[in-house]
């Protein structure tokens, strides 16, 4: 089985949780549609990986926000 290359993601809906100045970038080799756990300011959050390009090789990721 071939290894999947790591891709770079930017979270585009982080303002609600982390404020307008927080830009979140991370790398993952998980396929699009996966939900991955990342740490932001020492807080674990889940992000949904998409295959939507933002700029060049940068892809979009969305925070999974669940209010209980």
N, C-alpha and C. Protein backbone atom coordinates (compact mmCIF):
# COMPACT_ATOMS: atom_id res chain seq x y z
N UNK A 1 0.85 -1.17 0.00
CA UNK A 1 0.00 0.00 0.00
C UNK A 1 0.90 1.24 0.00
N UNK A 2 0.64 2.18 -0.88
CA UNK A 2 1.45 3.39 -0.97
C UNK A 2 1.07 4.37 0.13
N UNK A 3 2.08 5.07 0.64
CA UNK A 3 1.81 6.10 1.63
C UNK A 3 1.17 7.30 0.98
N UNK A 4 0.23 7.90 1.67
CA UNK A 4 -0.43 9.09 1.18
C UNK A 4 0.42 10.30 1.59
N UNK A 5 0.72 11.22 0.68
CA UNK A 5 1.54 12.38 1.05
C UNK A 5 0.78 13.32 1.99
N UNK A 6 1.51 13.94 2.88
CA UNK A 6 0.90 14.92 3.79
C UNK A 6 0.57 16.18 3.00
N UNK A 7 -0.60 16.73 3.26
CA UNK A 7 -1.04 17.96 2.61
C UNK A 7 -1.21 19.04 3.67
N UNK A 8 -1.12 20.29 3.25
CA UNK A 8 -1.24 21.42 4.18
C UNK A 8 -2.66 21.97 4.12
N UNK A 9 -3.22 22.19 5.31
CA UNK A 9 -4.60 22.68 5.45
C UNK A 9 -4.62 23.99 6.23
N UNK A 10 -5.62 24.82 5.93
CA UNK A 10 -5.91 26.01 6.72
C UNK A 10 -7.35 25.91 7.19
N UNK A 11 -7.57 26.13 8.47
CA UNK A 11 -8.93 26.14 9.02
C UNK A 11 -9.53 27.50 8.71
N UNK A 12 -10.70 27.52 8.04
CA UNK A 12 -11.29 28.78 7.61
C UNK A 12 -12.46 29.24 8.48
N UNK A 13 -12.86 28.45 9.46
CA UNK A 13 -13.96 28.87 10.33
C UNK A 13 -13.54 28.91 11.80
N UNK A 14 -12.34 29.40 12.07
CA UNK A 14 -11.82 29.39 13.44
C UNK A 14 -12.20 30.61 14.26
N UNK A 15 -12.77 31.64 13.65
CA UNK A 15 -13.06 32.90 14.33
C UNK A 15 -13.99 32.73 15.53
N UNK A 16 -15.01 31.92 15.41
CA UNK A 16 -16.00 31.75 16.49
C UNK A 16 -15.36 31.24 17.78
N UNK A 17 -14.38 30.37 17.68
CA UNK A 17 -13.76 29.79 18.87
C UNK A 17 -12.48 30.49 19.29
N UNK A 18 -11.70 30.98 18.34
CA UNK A 18 -10.36 31.46 18.66
C UNK A 18 -10.11 32.92 18.31
N UNK A 19 -11.10 33.63 17.80
CA UNK A 19 -10.95 35.05 17.48
C UNK A 19 -10.43 35.28 16.08
N UNK A 20 -10.56 36.53 15.61
CA UNK A 20 -10.22 36.85 14.21
C UNK A 20 -8.73 36.81 13.89
N UNK A 21 -7.87 36.86 14.87
CA UNK A 21 -6.43 36.89 14.61
C UNK A 21 -5.79 35.50 14.61
N UNK A 22 -6.54 34.48 14.93
CA UNK A 22 -5.99 33.13 15.00
C UNK A 22 -6.07 32.47 13.62
N UNK A 23 -4.92 32.22 13.03
CA UNK A 23 -4.86 31.50 11.75
C UNK A 23 -4.29 30.11 12.04
N UNK A 24 -5.01 29.09 11.63
CA UNK A 24 -4.64 27.72 11.95
C UNK A 24 -4.21 26.99 10.68
N UNK A 25 -2.98 26.52 10.68
CA UNK A 25 -2.44 25.72 9.58
C UNK A 25 -1.94 24.41 10.17
N UNK A 26 -2.10 23.31 9.46
CA UNK A 26 -1.56 22.04 9.91
C UNK A 26 -1.40 21.12 8.69
N UNK A 27 -0.65 20.05 8.88
CA UNK A 27 -0.43 19.05 7.82
C UNK A 27 -1.06 17.72 8.23
N UNK A 28 -1.60 17.02 7.25
CA UNK A 28 -2.19 15.71 7.51
C UNK A 28 -2.10 14.87 6.24
N UNK A 29 -1.94 13.58 6.43
CA UNK A 29 -1.95 12.65 5.28
C UNK A 29 -3.28 11.88 5.20
N UNK A 30 -4.22 12.22 6.09
CA UNK A 30 -5.54 11.56 6.05
C UNK A 30 -6.29 12.00 4.79
N UNK A 31 -7.17 11.16 4.25
CA UNK A 31 -7.89 11.52 3.04
C UNK A 31 -8.97 12.58 3.29
N UNK A 32 -9.36 13.28 2.24
CA UNK A 32 -10.44 14.26 2.33
C UNK A 32 -11.70 13.57 2.86
N UNK A 33 -12.44 14.27 3.69
CA UNK A 33 -13.63 13.70 4.32
C UNK A 33 -13.36 13.16 5.71
N UNK A 34 -12.08 13.06 6.07
CA UNK A 34 -11.71 12.57 7.40
C UNK A 34 -11.84 13.69 8.43
N UNK A 35 -12.09 13.31 9.66
CA UNK A 35 -12.05 14.25 10.78
C UNK A 35 -10.81 13.92 11.58
N UNK A 36 -9.95 14.93 11.78
CA UNK A 36 -8.70 14.72 12.50
C UNK A 36 -8.69 15.58 13.76
N UNK A 37 -7.93 15.14 14.74
CA UNK A 37 -7.78 15.88 15.99
C UNK A 37 -6.51 16.72 15.90
N UNK A 38 -6.64 18.04 16.14
CA UNK A 38 -5.49 18.93 16.15
C UNK A 38 -5.50 19.72 17.46
N UNK A 39 -4.37 20.25 17.84
CA UNK A 39 -4.28 21.09 19.04
C UNK A 39 -4.12 22.54 18.62
N UNK A 40 -4.97 23.40 19.18
CA UNK A 40 -4.92 24.84 18.91
C UNK A 40 -4.85 25.54 20.26
N UNK A 41 -3.78 26.27 20.50
CA UNK A 41 -3.60 26.96 21.79
C UNK A 41 -3.78 25.99 22.96
N UNK A 42 -3.23 24.80 22.83
CA UNK A 42 -3.29 23.74 23.84
C UNK A 42 -4.69 23.15 24.03
N UNK A 43 -5.60 23.42 23.10
CA UNK A 43 -6.95 22.85 23.17
C UNK A 43 -7.13 21.86 22.02
N UNK A 44 -7.58 20.65 22.34
CA UNK A 44 -7.84 19.69 21.25
C UNK A 44 -9.15 20.04 20.54
N UNK A 45 -9.11 20.11 19.23
CA UNK A 45 -10.30 20.37 18.43
C UNK A 45 -10.30 19.41 17.24
N UNK A 46 -11.48 19.19 16.68
CA UNK A 46 -11.60 18.31 15.51
C UNK A 46 -11.78 19.16 14.26
N UNK A 47 -11.14 18.73 13.18
CA UNK A 47 -11.25 19.44 11.91
C UNK A 47 -11.61 18.46 10.80
N UNK A 48 -12.54 18.87 9.95
CA UNK A 48 -12.94 18.09 8.79
C UNK A 48 -12.06 18.50 7.62
N UNK A 49 -11.39 17.52 7.01
CA UNK A 49 -10.53 17.79 5.87
C UNK A 49 -11.35 17.80 4.59
N UNK A 50 -11.12 18.80 3.73
CA UNK A 50 -11.82 18.86 2.45
C UNK A 50 -10.79 18.76 1.33
N UNK A 51 -11.28 18.67 0.11
CA UNK A 51 -10.38 18.71 -1.03
C UNK A 51 -10.53 20.03 -1.79
N UNK A 52 -11.08 21.05 -1.11
CA UNK A 52 -11.27 22.38 -1.71
C UNK A 52 -9.98 23.19 -1.61
N UNK A 53 -9.42 23.58 -2.75
CA UNK A 53 -8.18 24.36 -2.70
C UNK A 53 -8.44 25.80 -2.28
N UNK A 54 -7.52 26.36 -1.50
CA UNK A 54 -7.61 27.76 -1.11
C UNK A 54 -6.64 28.61 -1.92
N UNK A 55 -5.39 28.15 -1.98
CA UNK A 55 -4.36 28.90 -2.69
C UNK A 55 -3.21 27.94 -2.98
N UNK A 56 -2.96 27.67 -4.23
CA UNK A 56 -1.89 26.73 -4.57
C UNK A 56 -2.18 25.35 -4.03
N UNK A 57 -1.26 24.82 -3.22
CA UNK A 57 -1.42 23.49 -2.63
C UNK A 57 -2.12 23.52 -1.28
N UNK A 58 -2.54 24.69 -0.81
CA UNK A 58 -3.21 24.83 0.48
C UNK A 58 -4.67 24.43 0.34
N UNK A 59 -5.12 23.53 1.24
CA UNK A 59 -6.50 23.04 1.20
C UNK A 59 -7.29 23.56 2.39
N UNK A 60 -8.62 23.55 2.26
CA UNK A 60 -9.52 24.03 3.29
C UNK A 60 -9.82 22.93 4.30
N UNK A 61 -9.89 23.33 5.57
CA UNK A 61 -10.37 22.45 6.64
C UNK A 61 -11.38 23.24 7.46
N UNK A 62 -12.35 22.54 8.02
CA UNK A 62 -13.41 23.18 8.81
C UNK A 62 -13.43 22.59 10.21
N UNK A 63 -13.48 23.46 11.21
CA UNK A 63 -13.62 22.96 12.58
C UNK A 63 -14.97 22.28 12.73
N UNK A 64 -14.99 21.19 13.46
CA UNK A 64 -16.24 20.50 13.78
C UNK A 64 -16.65 20.99 15.16
N UNK A 65 -17.68 21.83 15.17
CA UNK A 65 -18.11 22.47 16.42
C UNK A 65 -19.42 21.82 16.85
N UNK A 66 -19.40 21.20 18.03
CA UNK A 66 -20.60 20.56 18.55
C UNK A 66 -20.89 21.12 19.93
N UNK A 67 -21.98 21.82 20.05
CA UNK A 67 -22.38 22.37 21.33
C UNK A 67 -23.25 21.34 22.05
N UNK A 68 -22.90 21.06 23.28
CA UNK A 68 -23.67 20.06 24.04
C UNK A 68 -24.53 20.71 25.07
